[in-house]
Amino acid sequence: MEQPLLNIGFGNTVVAERVVAILSPNSSPMKRVKDEAREDRRLIDVTHGRKTRAIIVTDSNHVILSAIQAETVSSRFEALIQNPGAPQEE
């Protein structure tokens, strides 16, 4: 069975079923989450050198940084959950 993939920008995807949270990176606690993940080698940076606009936490406790707005990633996630076969906008 094919698992739905969530587009997180620049051709990168994550298995939607593994996503636990989509967070905005602007607060101090989120910066700590990012720093702790980097120290523990659980950080995946897919921003391509751009500003981090969303932090995605997976069920394996990996932290993924995306340059796409958290609201945009969230709306893509909602659309994917409601209609898994529909294509996502780029």
Protein backbone atom coordinates (compact mmCIF):
# COMPACT_ATOMS: atom_id res chain seq x y z
CA MET A 1 0.00 0.00 0.00
CA GLU A 2 1.32 3.41 -0.95
CA GLN A 3 1.69 5.90 1.90
CA PRO A 4 0.69 9.54 1.32
CA LEU A 5 3.65 11.91 1.15
CA LEU A 6 3.49 15.46 2.48
CA ASN A 7 5.31 18.04 0.34
CA ILE A 8 7.51 20.16 2.63
CA GLY A 9 9.19 22.20 -0.09
CA PHE A 10 11.96 22.02 -2.69
CA GLY A 11 10.97 18.53 -3.80
CA ASN A 12 11.21 17.12 -0.27
CA THR A 13 8.47 14.97 1.20
CA VAL A 14 7.74 13.20 4.47
CA VAL A 15 5.34 10.31 5.10
CA ALA A 16 2.20 12.08 6.35
CA GLU A 17 1.34 9.31 8.82
CA ARG A 18 4.65 9.89 10.65
CA VAL A 19 4.02 13.61 11.32
CA VAL A 20 3.23 14.37 14.97
CA ALA A 21 3.36 18.18 14.91
CA ILE A 22 3.86 21.13 12.56
CA LEU A 23 5.17 24.09 14.54
CA SER A 24 6.12 27.71 14.03
CA PRO A 25 9.83 28.25 14.83
CA ASN A 26 9.56 31.72 16.36
CA SER A 27 9.49 30.96 20.09
CA SER A 28 12.34 30.16 22.46
CA PRO A 29 11.02 26.64 23.23
CA MET A 30 11.02 25.83 19.52
CA LYS A 31 14.60 27.06 19.22
CA ARG A 32 15.50 24.73 22.10
CA VAL A 33 13.76 21.82 20.34
CA LYS A 34 15.82 22.56 17.23
CA ASP A 35 19.09 22.89 19.15
CA GLU A 36 18.51 19.67 21.13
CA ALA A 37 17.69 17.77 17.93
CA ARG A 38 20.91 19.08 16.34
CA GLU A 39 22.96 17.93 19.35
CA ASP A 40 21.31 14.49 19.28
CA ARG A 41 21.74 14.21 15.47
CA ARG A 42 17.96 14.00 14.93
CA LEU A 43 17.74 17.24 12.91
CA ILE A 44 16.95 17.20 9.19
CA ASP A 45 17.35 20.60 7.49
CA VAL A 46 15.56 20.89 4.13
CA THR A 47 15.51 24.69 3.99
CA HIS A 48 18.18 24.91 1.24
CA GLY A 49 19.83 27.78 3.14
CA ARG A 50 16.64 29.79 3.51
CA LYS A 51 14.98 30.95 6.72
CA THR A 52 13.25 28.22 8.77
CA ARG A 53 9.50 28.84 8.65
CA ALA A 54 8.19 25.49 9.94
CA ILE A 55 9.40 22.77 12.29
CA ILE A 56 7.98 19.30 11.71
CA VAL A 57 8.25 16.67 14.45
CA THR A 58 7.87 13.00 13.52
CA ASP A 59 6.89 9.95 15.54
CA SER A 60 10.54 8.81 15.47
CA ASN A 61 11.40 12.08 17.30
CA HIS A 62 13.21 13.52 14.28
CA VAL A 63 12.91 17.27 13.78
CA ILE A 64 12.61 18.55 10.20
CA LEU A 65 13.19 22.21 9.28
CA SER A 66 11.30 23.57 6.29
CA ALA A 67 11.40 26.94 4.52
CA ILE A 68 7.66 26.70 3.81
CA GLN A 69 5.30 28.56 6.19
CA ALA A 70 3.88 26.34 8.96
CA GLU A 71 0.35 27.37 7.92
CA THR A 72 1.01 26.22 4.34
CA VAL A 73 2.44 22.88 5.46
CA SER A 74 -0.54 22.44 7.81
CA SER A 75 -3.06 23.13 5.06
CA ARG A 76 -1.27 20.66 2.76
CA PHE A 77 -1.33 18.10 5.57
CA GLU A 78 -5.08 18.63 6.15
CA ALA A 79 -5.82 18.33 2.42
CA LEU A 80 -3.72 15.17 2.20
CA ILE A 81 -5.44 13.54 5.18
CA GLN A 82 -8.91 14.39 3.82
CA ASN A 83 -8.11 13.28 0.24
CA PRO A 84 -4.95 11.10 0.10
CA GLY A 85 -5.03 10.66 -3.70
CA ALA A 86 -5.19 14.36 -4.61
CA PRO A 87 -2.03 16.05 -5.95
CA GLN A 88 -0.42 18.78 -3.82
CA GLU A 89 0.49 22.23 -5.03
CA GLU A 90 4.20 23.00 -5.26
